[in-house]
Amino acid sequence: MADYQGALPTPTHDTQPYWDAAKEHRLVLPYCAACDAYDFYPRPFCRQCFSWDIEWRDASGKGTLHTYVINHRPARGFDEMTPYVIAVVELEEGPRMMTNIVMEEEPTVDNLPIDAPVEVVFDDVTDEVTLPRFRLVQS
């Protein structure tokens, strides 16, 4: 585990299941049993039908790169990580989530095509916190 200096999440009652699953290297999403729909970000009710019949379900961890920015001016605590990719990934289950794309090579527009297939990876940044991130699927 590297000496991670970036911001860490502060789980809430509504987000705790997400962070607990991430620690187990599982990606979970809120699922509404009333309207058969996944959603993200975590909240106690469905924003489509307003049902409170929400449960957490394992997600495939697969999706496509919807949009991104390559950040060269780091936020405090991310100085050693630049450049880094802030992205929106559209998951197979439907929701879009903001995340990071991790790459071995330096990110460029040429090696980050929109709609590229991606998959989740888990970064154990501290003993208590694991961050879900994504990488391009190797062809």
Protein backbone atom coordinates (compact mmCIF):
# COMPACT_ATOMS: atom_id res chain seq x y z
CA MET A 1 0.00 0.00 0.00
CA ALA A 2 1.52 3.30 -1.07
CA ASP A 3 1.48 6.45 1.03
CA TYR A 4 -1.79 7.78 -0.32
CA GLN A 5 -2.12 11.54 0.12
CA GLY A 6 -5.41 12.21 -1.68
CA ALA A 7 -8.84 12.87 -0.24
CA LEU A 8 -10.65 9.98 1.41
CA PRO A 9 -14.40 9.36 1.41
CA THR A 10 -16.48 9.82 4.52
CA PRO A 11 -19.16 7.13 4.35
CA THR A 12 -22.69 8.04 5.36
CA HIS A 13 -25.56 5.78 6.34
CA ASP A 14 -26.66 5.69 2.68
CA THR A 15 -23.18 5.08 1.20
CA GLN A 16 -21.74 2.64 3.78
CA PRO A 17 -22.79 -0.51 1.83
CA TYR A 18 -20.94 0.82 -1.25
CA TRP A 19 -17.71 1.37 0.68
CA ASP A 20 -18.01 -1.93 2.56
CA ALA A 21 -18.35 -3.81 -0.74
CA ALA A 22 -15.43 -1.89 -2.27
CA LYS A 23 -13.27 -3.04 0.65
CA GLU A 24 -14.19 -6.60 -0.44
CA HIS A 25 -13.29 -5.69 -4.06
CA ARG A 26 -16.92 -5.77 -5.17
CA LEU A 27 -18.79 -3.03 -7.00
CA VAL A 28 -22.38 -2.71 -5.81
CA LEU A 29 -25.19 -0.46 -6.98
CA PRO A 30 -28.51 0.58 -5.48
CA TYR A 31 -31.32 -1.36 -7.18
CA CYS A 32 -35.02 -0.50 -7.06
CA ALA A 33 -37.14 -3.63 -6.86
CA ALA A 34 -40.29 -1.61 -7.60
CA CYS A 35 -39.25 -0.41 -11.06
CA ASP A 36 -36.42 -2.88 -11.80
CA ALA A 37 -33.76 -0.18 -12.22
CA TYR A 38 -30.22 0.42 -11.04
CA ASP A 39 -29.14 3.87 -9.96
CA PHE A 40 -26.05 5.69 -8.79
CA TYR A 41 -25.29 7.65 -6.53
CA PRO A 42 -26.56 6.01 -3.34
CA ARG A 43 -29.74 7.39 -1.84
CA PRO A 44 -32.52 5.78 0.22
CA PHE A 45 -35.18 6.02 -2.49
CA CYS A 46 -35.49 5.51 -6.24
CA ARG A 47 -35.25 8.75 -8.17
CA GLN A 48 -37.23 7.23 -11.05
CA CYS A 49 -40.34 5.97 -9.23
CA PHE A 50 -39.69 7.34 -5.70
CA SER A 51 -40.03 3.89 -4.14
CA TRP A 52 -38.16 3.19 -0.93
CA ASP A 53 -37.74 -0.48 -1.95
CA ILE A 54 -33.99 -0.17 -2.52
CA GLU A 55 -31.46 -2.97 -2.16
CA TRP A 56 -27.77 -3.30 -2.99
CA ARG A 57 -26.81 -5.64 -5.82
CA ASP A 58 -23.46 -6.69 -7.22
CA ALA A 59 -22.62 -4.99 -10.50
CA SER A 60 -20.63 -6.51 -13.35
CA GLY A 61 -17.87 -3.91 -13.04
CA LYS A 62 -17.93 -3.44 -16.81
CA GLY A 63 -18.88 -0.39 -18.80
CA THR A 64 -17.79 2.15 -21.37
CA LEU A 65 -15.90 5.40 -21.14
CA HIS A 66 -18.54 8.11 -21.56
CA THR A 67 -16.40 11.24 -21.12
CA TYR A 68 -13.27 12.38 -19.31
CA VAL A 69 -10.72 15.08 -18.64
CA ILE A 70 -6.99 14.59 -18.24
CA ASN A 71 -6.11 16.71 -15.23
CA HIS A 72 -2.63 18.27 -15.22
CA ARG A 73 -3.29 20.72 -12.35
CA PRO A 74 -3.78 18.60 -9.27
CA ALA A 75 -6.06 19.21 -6.37
CA ARG A 76 -4.35 19.39 -2.98
CA GLY A 77 -3.00 15.97 -2.06
CA PHE A 78 -2.84 14.73 -5.65
CA ASP A 79 0.43 16.46 -6.63
CA GLU A 80 2.36 13.24 -7.24
CA MET A 81 -0.44 11.68 -9.30
CA THR A 82 -0.58 14.04 -12.28
CA PRO A 83 -1.61 13.70 -14.92
CA TYR A 84 -4.70 11.75 -13.86
CA VAL A 85 -7.97 11.00 -15.59
CA ILE A 86 -11.30 12.08 -14.12
CA ALA A 87 -13.98 10.18 -16.02
CA VAL A 88 -17.63 9.33 -16.28
CA VAL A 89 -18.17 5.64 -16.95
CA GLU A 90 -21.48 4.24 -18.17
CA LEU A 91 -21.94 0.91 -16.43
CA GLU A 92 -23.45 -2.16 -18.13
CA GLU A 93 -26.33 -1.87 -15.67
CA GLY A 94 -27.17 1.62 -16.97
CA PRO A 95 -26.07 4.21 -14.42
CA ARG A 96 -23.15 6.52 -15.00
CA MET A 97 -20.58 7.13 -12.29
CA MET A 98 -17.68 9.51 -11.85
CA THR A 99 -14.38 7.75 -11.30
CA ASN A 100 -10.74 7.68 -12.31
CA ILE A 101 -9.23 5.79 -15.22
CA VAL A 102 -5.93 4.21 -14.23
CA MET A 103 -3.31 3.59 -16.88
CA GLU A 104 0.26 2.36 -17.02
CA GLU A 105 1.18 4.83 -19.76
CA GLU A 106 0.62 8.57 -19.65
CA PRO A 107 -3.00 9.33 -20.57
CA THR A 108 -3.56 11.08 -23.89
CA VAL A 109 -6.54 11.71 -26.14
CA ASP A 110 -5.11 9.11 -28.53
CA ASN A 111 -5.08 6.29 -25.97
CA LEU A 112 -8.43 7.12 -24.30
CA PRO A 113 -11.12 6.74 -26.97
CA ILE A 114 -14.68 7.61 -26.02
CA ASP A 115 -16.87 4.48 -25.76
CA ALA A 116 -13.82 2.31 -24.99
CA PRO A 117 -14.71 -0.71 -22.85
CA VAL A 118 -13.60 -0.40 -19.22
CA GLU A 119 -13.56 -2.62 -16.14
CA VAL A 120 -13.39 -1.90 -12.45
CA VAL A 121 -10.17 -2.27 -10.46
CA PHE A 122 -9.82 -1.73 -6.74
CA ASP A 123 -7.15 0.41 -5.13
CA ASP A 124 -6.57 -0.31 -1.43
CA VAL A 125 -5.36 3.20 -0.57
CA THR A 126 -5.39 2.69 3.21
CA ASP A 127 -6.11 -0.21 5.54
CA GLU A 128 -9.69 1.08 5.86
CA VAL A 129 -10.44 2.53 2.39
CA THR A 130 -10.58 0.92 -1.03
CA LEU A 131 -11.37 3.08 -4.06
CA PRO A 132 -13.09 1.58 -7.11
CA ARG A 133 -11.45 2.89 -10.27
CA PHE A 134 -11.53 1.74 -13.86
CA ARG A 135 -9.06 0.73 -16.55
CA LEU A 136 -9.38 0.18 -20.26
CA VAL A 137 -10.13 -3.44 -21.15
CA GLN A 138 -7.06 -4.99 -22.74
CA SER A 139 -7.89 -6.39 -26.16
